[in-house]
Amino acid sequence: MCSLMINAVLFGVGVITVLSVPALSAQAKYLIPGVIVASFVVTPLLCGLVARRMRIRNWGVSHWREGDLISG
């Protein structure tokens, strides 16, 4: 489930970047397929990090109470 959301965010950020920068939008027909491929390649790497983080048993009780950089 998290891989679908991560892939959507990566694709959206890439496409918005390509289409909003005038120098890149001229080459959009070549860059957008590159964004698609890049988002599919990077998604499993980021999903592995996020999925491990989502498992509460890996945190331990003391780490769960104090939080971390992301959750505060």
N, C-alpha and C. Protein backbone atom coordinates (compact mmCIF):
# COMPACT_ATOMS: atom_id res chain seq x y z
N MET A 1 0.82 -1.20 0.00
CA MET A 1 0.00 0.00 0.00
C MET A 1 0.86 1.26 0.00
N CYS A 2 1.93 1.24 0.75
CA CYS A 2 2.73 2.47 0.80
C CYS A 2 3.47 2.70 -0.52
N SER A 3 3.73 1.64 -1.28
CA SER A 3 4.43 1.85 -2.55
C SER A 3 3.57 2.61 -3.55
N LEU A 4 2.27 2.40 -3.53
CA LEU A 4 1.39 3.14 -4.43
C LEU A 4 1.41 4.64 -4.12
N MET A 5 1.37 4.96 -2.84
CA MET A 5 1.38 6.38 -2.46
C MET A 5 2.73 7.03 -2.74
N ILE A 6 3.80 6.31 -2.45
CA ILE A 6 5.13 6.86 -2.71
C ILE A 6 5.34 7.07 -4.20
N ASN A 7 4.90 6.12 -5.00
CA ASN A 7 5.05 6.25 -6.45
C ASN A 7 4.25 7.44 -6.98
N ALA A 8 3.04 7.64 -6.47
CA ALA A 8 2.22 8.76 -6.90
C ALA A 8 2.87 10.09 -6.55
N VAL A 9 3.44 10.19 -5.36
CA VAL A 9 4.09 11.43 -4.94
C VAL A 9 5.33 11.71 -5.78
N LEU A 10 6.15 10.69 -6.00
CA LEU A 10 7.35 10.88 -6.81
C LEU A 10 7.01 11.27 -8.24
N PHE A 11 6.02 10.61 -8.82
CA PHE A 11 5.60 10.96 -10.17
C PHE A 11 5.06 12.38 -10.23
N GLY A 12 4.23 12.75 -9.27
CA GLY A 12 3.66 14.09 -9.25
C GLY A 12 4.71 15.17 -9.11
N VAL A 13 5.67 14.96 -8.22
CA VAL A 13 6.74 15.95 -8.05
C VAL A 13 7.56 16.07 -9.33
N GLY A 14 7.85 14.93 -9.95
CA GLY A 14 8.64 14.96 -11.18
C GLY A 14 7.93 15.65 -12.33
N VAL A 15 6.66 15.34 -12.52
CA VAL A 15 5.90 15.94 -13.62
C VAL A 15 5.68 17.44 -13.38
N ILE A 16 5.38 17.81 -12.16
CA ILE A 16 5.20 19.24 -11.88
C ILE A 16 6.50 19.99 -12.11
N THR A 17 7.62 19.39 -11.73
CA THR A 17 8.91 20.03 -11.97
C THR A 17 9.17 20.19 -13.46
N VAL A 18 8.92 19.14 -14.22
CA VAL A 18 9.17 19.20 -15.66
C VAL A 18 8.27 20.22 -16.33
N LEU A 19 7.02 20.26 -15.96
CA LEU A 19 6.08 21.15 -16.63
C LEU A 19 6.15 22.60 -16.15
N SER A 20 6.66 22.84 -14.97
CA SER A 20 6.69 24.20 -14.46
C SER A 20 7.97 24.96 -14.81
N VAL A 21 9.04 24.25 -15.13
CA VAL A 21 10.29 24.90 -15.51
C VAL A 21 10.28 25.06 -17.03
N PRO A 22 10.35 26.29 -17.52
CA PRO A 22 10.25 26.51 -18.97
C PRO A 22 11.32 25.78 -19.79
N ALA A 23 12.52 25.71 -19.28
CA ALA A 23 13.58 25.03 -20.03
C ALA A 23 13.31 23.53 -20.13
N LEU A 24 12.68 22.96 -19.12
CA LEU A 24 12.37 21.53 -19.13
C LEU A 24 11.08 21.22 -19.88
N SER A 25 10.13 22.15 -19.87
CA SER A 25 8.85 21.88 -20.53
C SER A 25 9.00 21.79 -22.05
N ALA A 26 10.05 22.40 -22.59
CA ALA A 26 10.29 22.27 -24.03
C ALA A 26 10.68 20.84 -24.39
N GLN A 27 11.26 20.12 -23.46
CA GLN A 27 11.67 18.73 -23.68
C GLN A 27 10.75 17.74 -22.96
N ALA A 28 9.52 18.13 -22.71
CA ALA A 28 8.61 17.33 -21.89
C ALA A 28 8.31 15.97 -22.49
N LYS A 29 8.26 15.88 -23.82
CA LYS A 29 7.92 14.58 -24.40
C LYS A 29 9.01 13.55 -24.19
N TYR A 30 10.22 13.98 -23.86
CA TYR A 30 11.30 13.05 -23.53
C TYR A 30 11.48 12.89 -22.02
N LEU A 31 11.21 13.94 -21.28
CA LEU A 31 11.46 13.91 -19.84
C LEU A 31 10.35 13.21 -19.04
N ILE A 32 9.11 13.32 -19.49
CA ILE A 32 8.03 12.69 -18.73
C ILE A 32 8.16 11.16 -18.72
N PRO A 33 8.49 10.50 -19.83
CA PRO A 33 8.76 9.05 -19.71
C PRO A 33 9.94 8.75 -18.79
N GLY A 34 10.92 9.63 -18.76
CA GLY A 34 12.04 9.45 -17.83
C GLY A 34 11.59 9.57 -16.39
N VAL A 35 10.67 10.48 -16.13
CA VAL A 35 10.12 10.64 -14.78
C VAL A 35 9.35 9.38 -14.38
N ILE A 36 8.62 8.80 -15.32
CA ILE A 36 7.87 7.57 -15.03
C ILE A 36 8.82 6.44 -14.65
N VAL A 37 9.86 6.26 -15.45
CA VAL A 37 10.83 5.20 -15.18
C VAL A 37 11.55 5.46 -13.86
N ALA A 38 11.95 6.70 -13.63
CA ALA A 38 12.67 7.03 -12.39
C ALA A 38 11.80 6.79 -11.16
N SER A 39 10.52 7.13 -11.27
CA SER A 39 9.64 6.91 -10.11
C SER A 39 9.45 5.42 -9.83
N PHE A 40 9.39 4.60 -10.89
CA PHE A 40 9.28 3.15 -10.67
C PHE A 40 10.57 2.56 -10.10
N VAL A 41 11.71 3.14 -10.44
CA VAL A 41 12.99 2.62 -9.94
C VAL A 41 13.21 3.01 -8.49
N VAL A 42 12.86 4.23 -8.12
CA VAL A 42 13.14 4.74 -6.78
C VAL A 42 12.09 4.28 -5.76
N THR A 43 10.89 3.97 -6.21
CA THR A 43 9.80 3.59 -5.29
C THR A 43 10.14 2.42 -4.38
N PRO A 44 10.68 1.29 -4.87
CA PRO A 44 10.97 0.19 -3.95
C PRO A 44 12.00 0.54 -2.88
N LEU A 45 12.95 1.40 -3.22
CA LEU A 45 13.96 1.80 -2.24
C LEU A 45 13.34 2.60 -1.10
N LEU A 46 12.52 3.58 -1.46
CA LEU A 46 11.87 4.39 -0.43
C LEU A 46 10.80 3.61 0.31
N CYS A 47 10.13 2.71 -0.38
CA CYS A 47 9.09 1.92 0.26
C CYS A 47 9.69 1.00 1.33
N GLY A 48 10.88 0.50 1.09
CA GLY A 48 11.54 -0.33 2.09
C GLY A 48 11.80 0.44 3.37
N LEU A 49 12.20 1.69 3.24
CA LEU A 49 12.45 2.52 4.42
C LEU A 49 11.15 2.85 5.16
N VAL A 50 10.13 3.22 4.40
CA VAL A 50 8.87 3.62 5.02
C VAL A 50 8.17 2.41 5.66
N ALA A 51 8.18 1.27 4.98
CA ALA A 51 7.50 0.09 5.51
C ALA A 51 8.15 -0.38 6.81
N ARG A 52 9.47 -0.34 6.87
CA ARG A 52 10.14 -0.72 8.12
C ARG A 52 9.78 0.24 9.24
N ARG A 53 9.66 1.49 8.92
CA ARG A 53 9.35 2.51 9.91
C ARG A 53 7.92 2.38 10.43
N MET A 54 7.03 1.89 9.59
CA MET A 54 5.63 1.77 9.98
C MET A 54 5.37 0.63 10.96
N ARG A 55 6.30 -0.28 11.11
CA ARG A 55 6.11 -1.41 12.02
C ARG A 55 6.47 -1.00 13.43
N ILE A 56 5.51 -0.98 14.33
CA ILE A 56 5.71 -0.49 15.69
C ILE A 56 6.63 -1.41 16.49
N ARG A 57 6.66 -2.70 16.17
CA ARG A 57 7.48 -3.61 16.97
C ARG A 57 8.97 -3.34 16.77
N ASN A 58 9.34 -2.64 15.73
CA ASN A 58 10.74 -2.30 15.51
C ASN A 58 11.19 -1.07 16.29
N TRP A 59 10.27 -0.36 16.87
CA TRP A 59 10.60 0.86 17.58
C TRP A 59 11.01 0.58 19.01
N GLY A 60 10.29 -0.26 19.71
CA GLY A 60 10.51 -0.44 21.14
C GLY A 60 9.73 0.61 21.92
N VAL A 61 9.42 0.32 23.14
CA VAL A 61 8.58 1.21 23.94
C VAL A 61 9.26 2.55 24.21
N SER A 62 10.53 2.53 24.54
CA SER A 62 11.20 3.79 24.89
C SER A 62 11.32 4.71 23.68
N HIS A 63 11.61 4.18 22.51
CA HIS A 63 11.72 5.01 21.32
C HIS A 63 10.36 5.54 20.87
N TRP A 64 9.30 4.78 21.10
CA TRP A 64 7.99 5.21 20.70
C TRP A 64 7.54 6.42 21.52
N ARG A 65 7.88 6.45 22.80
CA ARG A 65 7.45 7.57 23.65
C ARG A 65 8.23 8.84 23.35
N GLU A 66 9.52 8.72 23.09
CA GLU A 66 10.31 9.94 22.88
C GLU A 66 10.23 10.49 21.48
N GLY A 67 9.85 9.67 20.48
CA GLY A 67 9.73 10.13 19.13
C GLY A 67 11.09 10.23 18.43
N ASP A 68 11.07 10.87 17.30
CA ASP A 68 12.30 11.04 16.53
C ASP A 68 12.21 12.32 15.72
N LEU A 69 13.10 12.46 14.75
CA LEU A 69 13.19 13.67 13.95
C LEU A 69 11.90 13.94 13.17
N ILE A 70 11.28 12.88 12.65
CA ILE A 70 10.10 13.05 11.80
C ILE A 70 8.84 13.25 12.63
N SER A 71 8.60 12.37 13.60
CA SER A 71 7.33 12.41 14.31
C SER A 71 7.31 13.36 15.50
N GLY A 72 8.44 13.87 15.91
CA GLY A 72 8.48 14.85 16.98
C GLY A 72 8.58 14.32 18.36
